[in-house]
Amino acid sequence: MFFGWPIVATASSTNSTASVSFRAVLCFAPALAVAAPPTIEPLPTCGSSYRLTAKNLDVNPLQGTYRTISPDPVFRNTPSSSSTQNRLSTDVILPGVNGDNTVERYVLGPARMTSSAIKSATVEKLSGQWAVSYQLTPSGSEVWNSFARQQFHELIAIVANGRVYSSPIIQPDSTHFTSFGATGLITGNFTAAEARRLANYMLGAVNSS
């Protein structure tokens, strides 16, 4: 679950595997049907009943519930995006941090933020769970608030090295959107190594900018 995490917007179409990016989760995709010949280009469009919209998810902040939406079967013959296809300006289909084509995957929109606005990132253990906390630049905080407002009660994925590290619903316990501060905390049942790796991706993007 994410409690917040902004970055600065980018229009770049370069390969995104070298840094962290934040994308809207459009729908889920099933495991690849290995018995069928895979299709590669272009990506199918998520069906209306499978889209992870606020209306379809029907988040109930008072009860802490939301609808479970199944993977869209239209993606059963579509492999995950390769490193050459994983660009910031295009839709992609990616596995989770511990997954591959044989498990449920994520269909994501173009990157709306990148790690270029992260000032610092550290690994910590909270209530027995490894997490990555970070601080944002002022401009990054503004961009994040805009993106998170648009995705209120919808999912945003944090992506690094071609994999989804976490994909929280934005403020599922709130009835109205509340602005985030310039700090963020990312959790996702990480191991210590996974948390350190994610923090390093964030810091590497900052140090190379």
C-alpha atoms as a PDB file:
ATOM      1  CA  MET A   1       0.000   0.000   0.000  1.00  0.00           C
ATOM      2  CA  PHE A   2       1.173   3.529  -0.775  1.00  0.00           C
ATOM      3  CA  PHE A   3       0.573   6.401   1.532  1.00  0.00           C
ATOM      4  CA  GLY A   4       1.943   8.856  -1.029  1.00  0.00           C
ATOM      5  CA  TRP A   5       4.730   9.230  -3.601  1.00  0.00           C
ATOM      6  CA  PRO A   6       5.109  11.961  -6.205  1.00  0.00           C
ATOM      7  CA  ILE A   7       7.639  12.595  -8.896  1.00  0.00           C
ATOM      8  CA  VAL A   8       8.001  15.072 -11.704  1.00  0.00           C
ATOM      9  CA  ALA A   9       6.064  14.582 -14.950  1.00  0.00           C
ATOM     10  CA  THR A  10       7.925  13.659 -18.088  1.00  0.00           C
ATOM     11  CA  ALA A  11       7.170  13.470 -21.793  1.00  0.00           C
ATOM     12  CA  SER A  12      10.229  11.342 -22.525  1.00  0.00           C
ATOM     13  CA  SER A  13       9.836   8.275 -24.728  1.00  0.00           C
ATOM     14  CA  THR A  14      13.156   6.739 -23.743  1.00  0.00           C
ATOM     15  CA  ASN A  15      13.447   3.359 -22.104  1.00  0.00           C
ATOM     16  CA  SER A  16      12.086   3.526 -18.560  1.00  0.00           C
ATOM     17  CA  THR A  17      13.796   0.539 -16.952  1.00  0.00           C
ATOM     18  CA  ALA A  18      16.675   2.655 -15.627  1.00  0.00           C
ATOM     19  CA  SER A  19      14.512   4.615 -13.178  1.00  0.00           C
ATOM     20  CA  VAL A  20      11.330   4.515 -11.162  1.00  0.00           C
ATOM     21  CA  SER A  21       8.096   5.588 -12.818  1.00  0.00           C
ATOM     22  CA  PHE A  22       4.515   6.019 -11.655  1.00  0.00           C
ATOM     23  CA  ARG A  23       1.652   4.903 -13.914  1.00  0.00           C
ATOM     24  CA  ALA A  24      -2.104   4.452 -13.771  1.00  0.00           C
ATOM     25  CA  VAL A  25      -3.172   0.798 -13.581  1.00  0.00           C
ATOM     26  CA  LEU A  26      -5.686   0.353 -16.403  1.00  0.00           C
ATOM     27  CA  CYS A  27      -6.652  -3.283 -15.754  1.00  0.00           C
ATOM     28  CA  PHE A  28      -5.184  -6.623 -14.785  1.00  0.00           C
ATOM     29  CA  ALA A  29      -3.978  -9.169 -17.329  1.00  0.00           C
ATOM     30  CA  PRO A  30      -4.042 -12.949 -16.893  1.00  0.00           C
ATOM     31  CA  ALA A  31      -1.071 -15.249 -17.154  1.00  0.00           C
ATOM     32  CA  LEU A  32       0.114 -15.740 -20.723  1.00  0.00           C
ATOM     33  CA  ALA A  33      -1.605 -18.631 -22.491  1.00  0.00           C
ATOM     34  CA  VAL A  34       1.558 -20.433 -23.565  1.00  0.00           C
ATOM     35  CA  ALA A  35      -0.360 -22.823 -25.804  1.00  0.00           C
ATOM     36  CA  ALA A  36      -1.478 -19.928 -28.022  1.00  0.00           C
ATOM     37  CA  PRO A  37       0.788 -17.939 -30.368  1.00  0.00           C
ATOM     38  CA  PRO A  38       1.525 -14.619 -28.623  1.00  0.00           C
ATOM     39  CA  THR A  39       0.572 -11.283 -30.128  1.00  0.00           C
ATOM     40  CA  ILE A  40       2.938  -8.388 -29.513  1.00  0.00           C
ATOM     41  CA  GLU A  41       1.807  -5.138 -31.194  1.00  0.00           C
ATOM     42  CA  PRO A  42      -0.273  -3.207 -30.488  1.00  0.00           C
ATOM     43  CA  LEU A  43      -1.505  -3.792 -26.954  1.00  0.00           C
ATOM     44  CA  PRO A  44      -5.243  -4.588 -26.757  1.00  0.00           C
ATOM     45  CA  THR A  45      -7.556  -2.138 -24.998  1.00  0.00           C
ATOM     46  CA  CYS A  46      -8.960  -3.030 -21.588  1.00  0.00           C
ATOM     47  CA  GLY A  47     -12.632  -3.947 -21.804  1.00  0.00           C
ATOM     48  CA  SER A  48     -15.005  -1.554 -20.044  1.00  0.00           C
ATOM     49  CA  SER A  49     -16.061  -4.072 -17.382  1.00  0.00           C
ATOM     50  CA  TYR A  50     -12.407  -4.906 -16.577  1.00  0.00           C
ATOM     51  CA  ARG A  51     -11.122  -1.331 -16.274  1.00  0.00           C
ATOM     52  CA  LEU A  52      -9.977  -0.348 -12.795  1.00  0.00           C
ATOM     53  CA  THR A  53     -12.004   2.835 -12.643  1.00  0.00           C
ATOM     54  CA  ALA A  54     -13.386   4.347  -9.454  1.00  0.00           C
ATOM     55  CA  LYS A  55     -16.865   3.432 -10.645  1.00  0.00           C
ATOM     56  CA  ASN A  56     -15.987  -0.219 -11.261  1.00  0.00           C
ATOM     57  CA  LEU A  57     -13.980  -0.548  -8.038  1.00  0.00           C
ATOM     58  CA  ASP A  58     -16.792   1.073  -6.012  1.00  0.00           C
ATOM     59  CA  VAL A  59     -14.575   1.790  -3.003  1.00  0.00           C
ATOM     60  CA  ASN A  60     -16.472   2.013   0.297  1.00  0.00           C
ATOM     61  CA  PRO A  61     -14.301   4.085   2.694  1.00  0.00           C
ATOM     62  CA  LEU A  62     -16.553   3.423   5.683  1.00  0.00           C
ATOM     63  CA  GLN A  63     -16.427  -0.353   5.349  1.00  0.00           C
ATOM     64  CA  GLY A  64     -12.961  -0.569   3.818  1.00  0.00           C
ATOM     65  CA  THR A  65     -14.159  -2.625   0.862  1.00  0.00           C
ATOM     66  CA  TYR A  66     -14.005  -2.482  -2.932  1.00  0.00           C
ATOM     67  CA  ARG A  67     -14.964  -4.745  -5.802  1.00  0.00           C
ATOM     68  CA  THR A  68     -12.610  -7.420  -7.038  1.00  0.00           C
ATOM     69  CA  ILE A  69     -12.131  -7.092 -10.789  1.00  0.00           C
ATOM     70  CA  SER A  70     -10.858 -10.074 -12.746  1.00  0.00           C
ATOM     71  CA  PRO A  71      -8.035  -9.930 -15.309  1.00  0.00           C
ATOM     72  CA  ASP A  72      -9.157  -9.062 -18.818  1.00  0.00           C
ATOM     73  CA  PRO A  73      -8.944 -12.265 -20.937  1.00  0.00           C
ATOM     74  CA  VAL A  74      -8.177 -10.224 -24.064  1.00  0.00           C
ATOM     75  CA  PHE A  75      -4.551 -10.127 -22.825  1.00  0.00           C
ATOM     76  CA  ARG A  76      -4.150 -13.906 -22.486  1.00  0.00           C
ATOM     77  CA  ASN A  77      -2.021 -14.058 -25.670  1.00  0.00           C
ATOM     78  CA  THR A  78      -0.096 -10.835 -24.982  1.00  0.00           C
ATOM     79  CA  PRO A  79       3.369 -11.249 -23.425  1.00  0.00           C
ATOM     80  CA  SER A  80       4.745  -8.737 -20.968  1.00  0.00           C
ATOM     81  CA  SER A  81       6.458  -5.719 -22.526  1.00  0.00           C
ATOM     82  CA  SER A  82      10.150  -6.173 -23.229  1.00  0.00           C
ATOM     83  CA  SER A  83      12.796  -3.660 -22.208  1.00  0.00           C
ATOM     84  CA  THR A  84      12.658  -2.120 -25.686  1.00  0.00           C
ATOM     85  CA  GLN A  85       8.868  -1.791 -25.483  1.00  0.00           C
ATOM     86  CA  ASN A  86       8.827  -0.477 -21.903  1.00  0.00           C
ATOM     87  CA  ARG A  87       8.817   3.227 -22.682  1.00  0.00           C
ATOM     88  CA  LEU A  88       7.586   6.078 -20.542  1.00  0.00           C
ATOM     89  CA  SER A  89       5.234   7.442 -23.192  1.00  0.00           C
ATOM     90  CA  THR A  90       3.332   4.240 -24.027  1.00  0.00           C
ATOM     91  CA  ASP A  91       1.004   1.715 -22.421  1.00  0.00           C
ATOM     92  CA  VAL A  92       2.782  -1.411 -21.170  1.00  0.00           C
ATOM     93  CA  ILE A  93       1.965  -4.785 -19.649  1.00  0.00           C
ATOM     94  CA  LEU A  94       4.289  -5.785 -16.797  1.00  0.00           C
ATOM     95  CA  PRO A  95       4.607  -8.475 -14.114  1.00  0.00           C
ATOM     96  CA  GLY A  96       4.834  -7.862 -10.399  1.00  0.00           C
ATOM     97  CA  VAL A  97       8.189  -7.709  -8.652  1.00  0.00           C
ATOM     98  CA  ASN A  98       8.105 -11.461  -7.961  1.00  0.00           C
ATOM     99  CA  GLY A  99       6.149 -12.521 -11.035  1.00  0.00           C
ATOM    100  CA  ASP A 100       6.487 -13.245 -14.738  1.00  0.00           C
ATOM    101  CA  ASN A 101       4.255 -14.203 -17.688  1.00  0.00           C
ATOM    102  CA  THR A 102       2.927 -17.206 -15.754  1.00  0.00           C
ATOM    103  CA  VAL A 103       1.025 -15.130 -13.165  1.00  0.00           C
ATOM    104  CA  GLU A 104      -1.432 -12.243 -13.162  1.00  0.00           C
ATOM    105  CA  ARG A 105       0.063  -9.058 -14.614  1.00  0.00           C
ATOM    106  CA  TYR A 106      -0.641  -5.312 -14.855  1.00  0.00           C
ATOM    107  CA  VAL A 107      -1.726  -3.214 -17.844  1.00  0.00           C
ATOM    108  CA  LEU A 108      -0.401   0.303 -17.265  1.00  0.00           C
ATOM    109  CA  GLY A 109      -0.818   3.677 -18.903  1.00  0.00           C
ATOM    110  CA  PRO A 110       2.085   5.999 -19.813  1.00  0.00           C
ATOM    111  CA  ALA A 111       4.328   7.208 -16.996  1.00  0.00           C
ATOM    112  CA  ARG A 112       2.944  10.294 -15.322  1.00  0.00           C
ATOM    113  CA  MET A 113       5.959  10.827 -13.026  1.00  0.00           C
ATOM    114  CA  THR A 114       9.542   9.675 -12.773  1.00  0.00           C
ATOM    115  CA  SER A 115      12.080   9.455  -9.984  1.00  0.00           C
ATOM    116  CA  SER A 116      13.814  12.656 -11.108  1.00  0.00           C
ATOM    117  CA  ALA A 117      11.915  14.617  -8.440  1.00  0.00           C
ATOM    118  CA  ILE A 118      12.928  12.411  -5.498  1.00  0.00           C
ATOM    119  CA  LYS A 119      15.378  14.197  -3.216  1.00  0.00           C
ATOM    120  CA  SER A 120      16.127  11.238  -0.953  1.00  0.00           C
ATOM    121  CA  ALA A 121      15.061   7.641  -0.342  1.00  0.00           C
ATOM    122  CA  THR A 122      15.697   5.419   2.664  1.00  0.00           C
ATOM    123  CA  VAL A 123      14.796   1.881   3.727  1.00  0.00           C
ATOM    124  CA  GLU A 124      13.159   1.294   7.099  1.00  0.00           C
ATOM    125  CA  LYS A 125      11.248  -1.396   8.940  1.00  0.00           C
ATOM    126  CA  LEU A 126       7.806  -0.419  10.205  1.00  0.00           C
ATOM    127  CA  SER A 127       5.698  -2.806  12.293  1.00  0.00           C
ATOM    128  CA  GLY A 128       7.796  -5.686  11.013  1.00  0.00           C
ATOM    129  CA  GLN A 129       7.405  -4.688   7.361  1.00  0.00           C
ATOM    130  CA  TRP A 130      10.124  -3.307   5.096  1.00  0.00           C
ATOM    131  CA  ALA A 131       9.290   0.013   3.441  1.00  0.00           C
ATOM    132  CA  VAL A 132      10.888   2.768   1.367  1.00  0.00           C
ATOM    133  CA  SER A 133      10.356   6.345   2.511  1.00  0.00           C
ATOM    134  CA  TYR A 134      11.336   9.313   0.392  1.00  0.00           C
ATOM    135  CA  GLN A 135      11.232  13.069   0.132  1.00  0.00           C
ATOM    136  CA  LEU A 136      10.140  14.989  -2.948  1.00  0.00           C
ATOM    137  CA  THR A 137      11.028  18.269  -4.536  1.00  0.00           C
ATOM    138  CA  PRO A 138       8.405  21.042  -4.370  1.00  0.00           C
ATOM    139  CA  SER A 139       7.574  20.636  -8.060  1.00  0.00           C
ATOM    140  CA  GLY A 140       7.336  16.865  -7.655  1.00  0.00           C
ATOM    141  CA  SER A 141       4.869  17.274  -4.815  1.00  0.00           C
ATOM    142  CA  GLU A 142       2.641  19.462  -6.985  1.00  0.00           C
ATOM    143  CA  VAL A 143       2.692  17.000  -9.874  1.00  0.00           C
ATOM    144  CA  TRP A 144       1.949  14.094  -7.563  1.00  0.00           C
ATOM    145  CA  ASN A 145      -1.054  15.833  -6.027  1.00  0.00           C
ATOM    146  CA  SER A 146      -2.467  16.452  -9.505  1.00  0.00           C
ATOM    147  CA  PHE A 147      -1.951  12.845 -10.601  1.00  0.00           C
ATOM    148  CA  ALA A 148      -3.237  11.351  -7.333  1.00  0.00           C
ATOM    149  CA  ARG A 149      -6.331  13.553  -7.461  1.00  0.00           C
ATOM    150  CA  GLN A 150      -7.106  12.211 -10.943  1.00  0.00           C
ATOM    151  CA  GLN A 151      -6.593   8.651  -9.670  1.00  0.00           C
ATOM    152  CA  PHE A 152      -8.588   9.058  -6.456  1.00  0.00           C
ATOM    153  CA  HIS A 153     -10.052   5.626  -5.541  1.00  0.00           C
ATOM    154  CA  GLU A 154      -8.134   4.125  -8.470  1.00  0.00           C
ATOM    155  CA  LEU A 155      -4.757   2.367  -8.663  1.00  0.00           C
ATOM    156  CA  ILE A 156      -1.303   3.732  -9.325  1.00  0.00           C
ATOM    157  CA  ALA A 157       1.672   1.440  -9.924  1.00  0.00           C
ATOM    158  CA  ILE A 158       5.241   2.150  -8.969  1.00  0.00           C
ATOM    159  CA  VAL A 159       7.523   0.541 -11.558  1.00  0.00           C
ATOM    160  CA  ALA A 160      11.246  -0.177 -11.471  1.00  0.00           C
ATOM    161  CA  ASN A 161      13.357  -2.394 -13.718  1.00  0.00           C
ATOM    162  CA  GLY A 162      10.309  -3.432 -15.727  1.00  0.00           C
ATOM    163  CA  ARG A 163       8.322  -4.711 -12.727  1.00  0.00           C
ATOM    164  CA  VAL A 164       5.516  -3.406 -10.543  1.00  0.00           C
ATOM    165  CA  TYR A 165       6.688  -3.051  -6.947  1.00  0.00           C
ATOM    166  CA  SER A 166       3.353  -1.876  -5.538  1.00  0.00           C
ATOM    167  CA  SER A 167      -0.067  -0.784  -6.836  1.00  0.00           C
ATOM    168  CA  PRO A 168      -2.200   0.855  -4.139  1.00  0.00           C
ATOM    169  CA  ILE A 169      -5.668   2.329  -4.390  1.00  0.00           C
ATOM    170  CA  ILE A 170      -5.403   6.049  -3.727  1.00  0.00           C
ATOM    171  CA  GLN A 171      -6.851   6.999  -0.319  1.00  0.00           C
ATOM    172  CA  PRO A 172      -9.351   4.119  -0.015  1.00  0.00           C
ATOM    173  CA  ASP A 173     -10.218   5.196   3.540  1.00  0.00           C
ATOM    174  CA  SER A 174     -11.240   8.723   2.496  1.00  0.00           C
ATOM    175  CA  THR A 175     -14.471  10.043   1.017  1.00  0.00           C
ATOM    176  CA  HIS A 176     -12.702  13.065  -0.513  1.00  0.00           C
ATOM    177  CA  PHE A 177      -9.221  13.573  -1.882  1.00  0.00           C
ATOM    178  CA  THR A 178      -6.719  15.144   0.510  1.00  0.00           C
ATOM    179  CA  SER A 179      -3.467  16.641  -0.735  1.00  0.00           C
ATOM    180  CA  PHE A 180      -0.258  14.767   0.042  1.00  0.00           C
ATOM    181  CA  GLY A 181       2.838  16.355   1.528  1.00  0.00           C
ATOM    182  CA  ALA A 182       6.307  16.264   0.020  1.00  0.00           C
ATOM    183  CA  THR A 183       7.122  12.868   1.513  1.00  0.00           C
ATOM    184  CA  GLY A 184       6.046   9.352   0.619  1.00  0.00           C
ATOM    185  CA  LEU A 185       6.095   5.837   2.018  1.00  0.00           C
ATOM    186  CA  ILE A 186       5.991   2.717  -0.142  1.00  0.00           C
ATOM    187  CA  THR A 187       5.147  -0.725   1.239  1.00  0.00           C
ATOM    188  CA  GLY A 188       4.419  -3.947  -0.587  1.00  0.00           C
ATOM    189  CA  ASN A 189       5.401  -7.023   1.434  1.00  0.00           C
ATOM    190  CA  PHE A 190       9.011  -6.405   0.409  1.00  0.00           C
ATOM    191  CA  THR A 191      12.002  -8.353   1.550  1.00  0.00           C
ATOM    192  CA  ALA A 192      14.869  -6.226   2.846  1.00  0.00           C
ATOM    193  CA  ALA A 193      16.715  -6.794  -0.447  1.00  0.00           C
ATOM    194  CA  GLU A 194      13.718  -5.710  -2.539  1.00  0.00           C
ATOM    195  CA  ALA A 195      13.254  -2.554  -0.482  1.00  0.00           C
ATOM    196  CA  ARG A 196      16.940  -1.666  -0.814  1.00  0.00           C
ATOM    197  CA  ARG A 197      16.807  -2.342  -4.539  1.00  0.00           C
ATOM    198  CA  LEU A 198      13.833  -0.012  -4.993  1.00  0.00           C
ATOM    199  CA  ALA A 199      15.508   2.724  -2.941  1.00  0.00           C
ATOM    200  CA  ASN A 200      18.649   2.349  -5.035  1.00  0.00           C
ATOM    201  CA  TYR A 201      16.645   2.743  -8.254  1.00  0.00           C
ATOM    202  CA  MET A 202      15.214   5.962  -6.861  1.00  0.00           C
ATOM    203  CA  LEU A 203      18.583   7.283  -5.731  1.00  0.00           C
ATOM    204  CA  GLY A 204      20.292   6.217  -8.940  1.00  0.00           C
ATOM    205  CA  ALA A 205      17.807   8.217 -10.993  1.00  0.00           C
ATOM    206  CA  VAL A 206      18.377  11.231  -8.776  1.00  0.00           C
ATOM    207  CA  ASN A 207      22.152  10.947  -8.844  1.00  0.00           C
ATOM    208  CA  SER A 208      22.254  10.611 -12.619  1.00  0.00           C
ATOM    209  CA  SER A 209      20.088  13.670 -13.263  1.00  0.00           C
END
